[in-house]
Protein backbone atom coordinates (compact mmCIF):
# COMPACT_ATOMS: atom_id res chain seq x y z
CA MET A 1 31.56 124.72 143.90
CA GLU A 2 33.45 122.64 146.44
CA GLU A 3 37.11 122.16 145.99
CA ASN A 4 38.21 118.54 145.84
CA LEU A 5 40.43 118.32 148.80
CA SER A 6 41.37 114.66 148.45
CA PRO A 7 44.65 113.90 148.08
CA ALA A 8 46.00 112.95 144.61
CA ILE A 9 46.47 109.22 144.02
CA GLU A 10 50.08 108.54 142.73
CA PRO A 11 50.39 105.21 140.73
CA GLU A 12 52.60 102.78 142.56
CA THR A 13 55.87 101.78 140.86
CA PRO A 14 56.20 98.08 140.55
CA VAL A 15 58.91 96.88 142.09
CA ILE A 16 60.89 94.47 140.17
CA GLU A 17 62.80 91.82 142.34
CA THR A 18 66.18 90.81 140.81
CA GLU A 19 67.43 87.38 141.65
CA GLU A 20 71.19 87.76 142.76
CA LYS A 21 73.10 84.95 141.06
CA GLU A 22 75.88 83.47 142.61
CA LEU A 23 79.12 82.82 140.88
CA PRO A 24 80.43 79.12 140.71
CA VAL A 25 82.77 78.29 143.23
CA ASP A 26 85.46 77.32 140.74
CA VAL A 27 85.52 80.48 138.99
CA ALA A 28 88.13 83.04 140.35
CA LEU A 29 87.79 86.59 139.88
CA PRO A 30 90.70 88.95 139.03
CA GLU A 31 92.10 90.76 142.24
CA SER A 32 94.01 93.36 140.40
CA ASP A 33 94.04 95.47 137.34
CA GLU A 34 97.31 93.79 136.24
CA GLU A 35 95.67 90.55 136.34
CA VAL A 36 92.61 91.62 134.35
CA GLU A 37 95.32 92.82 131.69
CA GLN A 38 96.72 89.63 131.60
CA VAL A 39 93.67 87.70 131.32
CA GLU A 40 92.31 89.85 128.60
CA GLN A 41 95.40 89.95 126.22
CA PRO A 42 95.12 86.60 124.23
CA VAL A 43 98.45 84.64 123.45
CA ASP A 44 99.64 85.03 119.85
CA ASP A 45 99.99 81.37 118.97
CA ASP A 46 99.90 82.15 115.10
CA GLU A 47 102.59 82.05 112.41
CA GLU A 48 102.69 83.25 108.96
CA VAL A 49 101.96 80.93 106.13
CA GLU A 50 102.25 81.48 102.21
CA TRP A 51 99.62 79.76 100.06
CA GLU A 52 99.24 80.40 96.38
CA GLY A 53 101.21 83.62 96.53
CA LYS A 54 99.30 85.01 99.38
CA LYS A 55 100.29 85.37 103.05
CA PHE A 56 98.07 85.00 106.07
CA LYS A 57 98.33 83.85 109.52
CA ALA A 58 97.36 80.33 110.69
CA PRO A 59 97.84 78.37 113.76
CA LYS A 60 100.94 76.76 114.67
CA GLY A 61 101.35 73.31 113.05
CA LEU A 62 99.10 74.03 110.40
CA LYS A 63 101.95 75.20 108.11
CA ASP A 64 103.42 71.86 108.10
CA GLY A 65 100.33 70.30 106.57
CA ILE A 66 99.86 72.97 104.15
CA LEU A 67 103.52 72.54 102.97
CA ARG A 68 102.93 68.85 102.54
CA GLN A 69 99.73 69.40 100.65
CA ALA A 70 101.39 72.02 98.31
CA ASP A 71 104.22 69.40 97.84
CA TYR A 72 101.78 66.49 97.21
CA THR A 73 100.03 68.92 94.68
CA LYS A 74 102.97 69.90 92.81
CA LYS A 75 104.24 66.11 92.45
CA THR A 76 100.61 65.34 91.33
CA GLN A 77 100.59 67.86 88.68
CA GLU A 78 103.99 66.68 87.39
CA LEU A 79 103.09 63.19 87.18
CA SER A 80 99.92 64.21 85.39
CA ALA A 81 101.77 66.27 82.72
CA LYS A 82 104.32 63.48 82.17
CA ALA A 83 101.21 61.07 81.78
CA LYS A 84 99.82 63.26 79.25
CA ASP A 85 103.11 63.55 77.36
CA LEU A 86 103.33 59.87 77.51
CA ASP A 87 99.93 59.38 76.09
CA ALA A 88 100.55 61.88 73.29
CA ARG A 89 103.62 60.15 72.40
CA GLU A 90 101.89 57.01 72.43
CA SER A 91 99.02 58.15 70.30
CA GLN A 92 101.35 59.46 67.82
CA ILE A 93 103.45 56.19 67.39
CA THR A 94 100.10 54.31 67.14
CA ALA A 95 98.58 56.57 64.63
CA ALA A 96 101.45 56.43 62.20
CA PRO A 97 101.06 52.52 61.47
CA GLU A 98 97.41 52.84 61.04
CA GLU A 99 97.66 55.77 58.48
CA GLU A 100 100.43 53.66 56.77
CA LEU A 101 98.14 50.76 56.74
CA LYS A 102 95.34 52.65 55.11
CA VAL A 103 97.78 53.74 52.24
CA ARG A 104 99.15 50.01 51.95
CA ALA A 105 95.57 48.73 51.47
CA GLN A 106 94.74 51.47 48.85
CA LEU A 107 98.09 50.69 47.08
CA PHE A 108 97.45 46.98 47.22
CA ASN A 109 93.89 47.73 45.60
CA VAL A 110 95.64 49.70 42.77
CA ASP A 111 98.27 46.97 42.33
CA SER A 112 95.63 44.49 41.84
CA GLN A 113 93.92 46.28 39.21
CA LEU A 114 97.20 47.00 37.43
CA GLU A 115 98.14 43.48 37.41
CA GLN A 116 94.98 42.53 35.48
CA TYR A 117 95.63 45.40 32.86
CA GLY A 118 99.16 44.04 32.67
CA LYS A 119 98.03 40.82 31.35
CA LEU A 120 96.62 42.28 28.25
CA THR A 121 98.86 42.57 25.09
CA GLN A 122 98.96 45.11 22.33
CA ALA A 123 96.94 42.73 20.24
CA ASP A 124 94.37 42.49 22.86
CA TRP A 125 94.14 46.12 22.92
CA ASP A 126 93.63 46.45 19.29
CA ALA A 127 90.94 43.74 19.17
CA TYR A 128 89.12 45.34 21.94
CA TYR A 129 89.22 48.85 20.08
CA ALA A 130 87.86 47.04 17.02
CA GLN A 131 84.98 45.48 18.85
CA ASP A 132 83.99 48.65 21.00
CA TYR A 133 85.92 51.72 20.69
CA VAL A 134 84.21 53.64 23.48
CA GLU A 135 84.43 51.14 26.32
CA THR A 136 88.08 50.25 25.14
CA ASP A 137 89.15 53.86 25.42
CA LYS A 138 87.39 54.22 28.79
CA ALA A 139 89.40 51.09 29.99
CA TRP A 140 92.68 52.77 28.82
CA ARG A 141 92.05 56.01 30.38
CA HIS A 142 91.36 54.16 33.63
CA TYR A 143 94.63 52.14 33.24
CA GLN A 144 96.39 55.33 33.01
CA LEU A 145 94.80 56.83 35.98
CA LEU A 146 95.83 53.59 38.13
CA LYS A 147 99.48 54.06 37.25
CA GLU A 148 99.44 57.80 38.27
CA GLN A 149 97.66 56.69 41.71
CA LYS A 150 100.22 54.23 42.23
CA GLY A 151 102.85 56.63 41.89
CA THR A 152 101.12 59.25 44.38
CA LEU A 153 100.41 56.23 46.87
CA SER A 154 103.99 55.03 46.68
CA SER A 155 105.36 58.34 47.78
CA GLU A 156 102.90 58.80 50.30
CA LEU A 157 103.59 55.28 51.88
CA GLN A 158 107.28 56.40 51.80
CA SER A 159 106.49 59.48 53.57
CA LYS A 160 104.47 57.79 56.23
CA GLN A 161 107.49 55.33 56.71
CA THR A 162 109.79 58.00 57.12
CA GLN A 163 107.53 59.90 59.66
CA ARG A 164 107.17 56.68 61.67
CA SER A 165 110.92 56.07 61.72
CA GLN A 166 111.61 59.42 62.87
CA LEU A 167 108.86 59.06 65.75
CA ALA A 168 110.29 55.96 66.55
CA GLU A 169 113.95 57.35 66.96
CA ARG A 170 112.68 60.38 68.92
CA ASP A 171 110.68 57.90 71.36
CA LEU A 172 113.59 55.77 71.78
CA ALA A 173 115.94 58.84 72.39
CA ASN A 174 113.48 60.11 75.10
CA ARG A 175 113.27 56.82 76.73
CA VAL A 176 117.13 56.40 76.50
CA GLU A 177 117.41 59.69 78.37
CA GLU A 178 114.89 59.16 80.92
CA THR A 179 116.41 55.69 81.70
CA ILE A 180 120.04 57.21 81.83
CA LYS A 181 118.69 59.85 84.61
CA PHE A 182 116.87 56.93 86.49
CA ALA A 183 119.93 54.85 86.58
CA ALA A 184 122.33 57.67 87.76
CA SER A 185 120.09 58.50 90.37
CA ASN A 186 118.72 54.92 91.68
CA ILE A 187 121.22 52.52 90.54
CA LYS A 188 124.27 52.16 93.04
CA GLY A 189 127.56 52.36 91.19
CA TYR A 190 126.16 53.35 87.90
CA THR A 191 128.55 54.01 85.11
CA PRO A 192 128.01 54.40 81.38
CA GLU A 193 129.98 50.90 81.18
CA LEU A 194 127.23 49.37 83.35
CA THR A 195 124.67 50.19 80.66
CA ASN A 196 126.86 48.26 78.19
CA LYS A 197 127.21 44.98 80.59
CA ILE A 198 123.41 45.13 80.92
CA ILE A 199 122.86 45.08 76.91
CA GLU A 200 125.32 42.24 76.80
CA PHE A 201 123.67 40.29 79.69
CA ALA A 202 120.34 40.71 77.95
CA THR A 203 121.60 39.62 74.59
CA ASN A 204 123.23 36.57 76.03
CA GLU A 205 119.87 35.77 77.49
CA GLY A 206 118.25 35.87 74.15
CA LEU A 207 116.87 39.47 74.02
CA ASP A 208 117.47 40.86 70.56
CA ASP A 209 117.98 44.52 69.73
CA LYS A 210 114.64 44.97 68.39
CA THR A 211 112.99 43.94 71.66
CA LEU A 212 115.21 46.01 73.81
CA LYS A 213 114.70 49.08 71.85
CA ALA A 214 110.78 48.80 71.76
CA ASN A 215 111.03 48.20 75.65
CA TRP A 216 113.99 50.22 76.82
CA SER A 217 112.75 51.94 80.01
CA PRO A 218 113.73 52.65 83.50
CA THR A 219 111.58 49.61 84.44
CA LEU A 220 113.22 47.32 82.04
CA TYR A 221 116.85 48.57 83.11
CA LYS A 222 116.12 47.85 86.80
CA LEU A 223 114.70 44.42 86.07
CA LEU A 224 118.00 43.63 83.75
CA HIS A 225 120.27 45.04 86.35
CA ARG A 226 118.78 42.98 89.19
CA ALA A 227 118.62 39.85 86.96
CA MET A 228 122.32 40.39 86.05
CA VAL A 229 123.56 40.88 89.80
CA GLY A 230 121.26 37.84 90.81
CA GLU A 231 123.21 35.53 88.32
CA GLN A 232 126.64 36.99 89.50
CA VAL A 233 125.63 35.94 92.96
CA LEU A 234 124.44 32.44 92.14
CA LYS A 235 127.56 31.69 90.23
CA GLN A 236 129.63 32.88 93.24
CA GLN A 237 127.80 30.74 95.46
CA ALA A 238 128.00 27.62 93.00
CA THR A 239 131.89 27.97 92.61
CA PRO A 240 133.61 25.63 95.03
CA LYS A 241 136.20 27.42 97.20
CA PRO A 242 139.52 25.86 96.91
CA LYS A 243 140.45 23.77 100.05
CA ALA A 244 143.68 24.69 101.70
CA PRO A 245 146.43 22.34 101.06
CA THR A 246 147.27 20.16 103.97
CA PRO A 247 150.81 20.71 105.62
CA ALA A 248 153.40 18.29 105.12
CA PRO A 249 154.62 16.68 108.46
CA LEU A 250 157.82 18.29 109.69
CA GLU A 251 160.96 16.34 109.19
CA THR A 252 163.16 15.66 112.21
CA VAL A 253 166.83 16.40 110.91
CA ARG A 254 169.46 14.87 113.17
CA PRO A 255 172.98 16.02 113.36
CA GLY A 256 175.43 14.03 111.16
CA ASN A 257 172.48 12.48 109.28
CA ASN A 258 171.44 15.51 107.25
CA PRO A 259 169.88 14.70 103.99
CA ALA A 260 171.15 15.98 101.01
CA PRO A 261 169.18 18.89 99.22
CA SER A 262 167.61 17.91 95.87
CA ARG A 263 169.15 20.70 94.30
CA SER A 264 172.67 22.26 94.85
CA LEU A 265 173.06 25.70 96.51
CA LYS A 266 174.59 26.66 93.43
CA GLU A 267 171.51 25.81 91.41
CA LEU A 268 169.29 27.80 93.71
CA ALA A 269 171.67 30.82 94.10
CA ASP A 270 171.36 31.02 90.47
CA LYS A 271 167.80 31.32 90.80
CA ASP A 272 165.80 34.40 91.50
CA ASP A 273 163.81 32.72 94.52
CA LEU A 274 165.98 34.04 97.56
CA THR A 275 163.52 32.24 100.05
CA GLU A 276 164.11 28.84 98.54
CA PHE A 277 167.87 29.30 98.63
CA VAL A 278 167.72 30.51 102.43
CA ALA A 279 165.54 27.56 103.30
CA ALA A 280 167.76 24.95 101.48
CA PHE A 281 171.01 26.70 103.23
CA ARG A 282 169.53 26.59 106.79
CA LYS A 283 168.64 22.76 106.03
CA SER A 284 171.86 21.89 104.79
CA ASN A 285 173.65 23.23 107.90
CA GLY A 286 171.14 21.73 110.44
CA LYS A 287 169.31 24.93 111.30
CA GLY A 288 166.08 23.90 109.68
């Protein structure tokens, strides 16, 4: 058996040619390890921000925006709460007259029926009993029931009126408090006496107490104050300023021909006006 003396053929390893890419000209390579460290370490440009009880880091400049947003949100919530309170207060005040009107309507109906029964005399009742005892008895019991209903409705109406009055008083007290706080913070030179002057001004302009109480608010206070100040300014502008008196011409006094004073020096000395006395004395001596 012949040996295969032909050399083993090894498979050729494929040669992968790599393309060397050149760096852009404007890219600078670090020349030292120190420069490498400087490049690799980012600059800490963040600041700590607190939001809804949690703290985190955010880029500088964002904190002011977050704080403004938080302040805006807070004010919006306060305004919303105040608006809800005003709506609830208005609903209570509006509901009170509506319930009171219902009771009044029921009471009016009962009074109308009682008025018809009140026209019947005892002789009328006796006659009806003689004609139809059963129906007359029913009418009599209905008459008594109406009188009981009137008492109940009258008490309920009184209670509704008292409730409405108390609601109105609390509402006015709240509006007065709000107005005082507003005036103290926004009206320059505010004093309690200023409020009295504004009320007096409004009354003189034809607003009665009922209208003032129903509409008393910071807005009305501000409008009345501006109107009062404006009227004062108009009055000042309309008042003519007094003209300065024209000085009298100077009188030339010649020696030996001095006019006699209109009043004697003794008379002027007896008066408290020392200036007039000195002037008369100088004039009489030719030193005027």
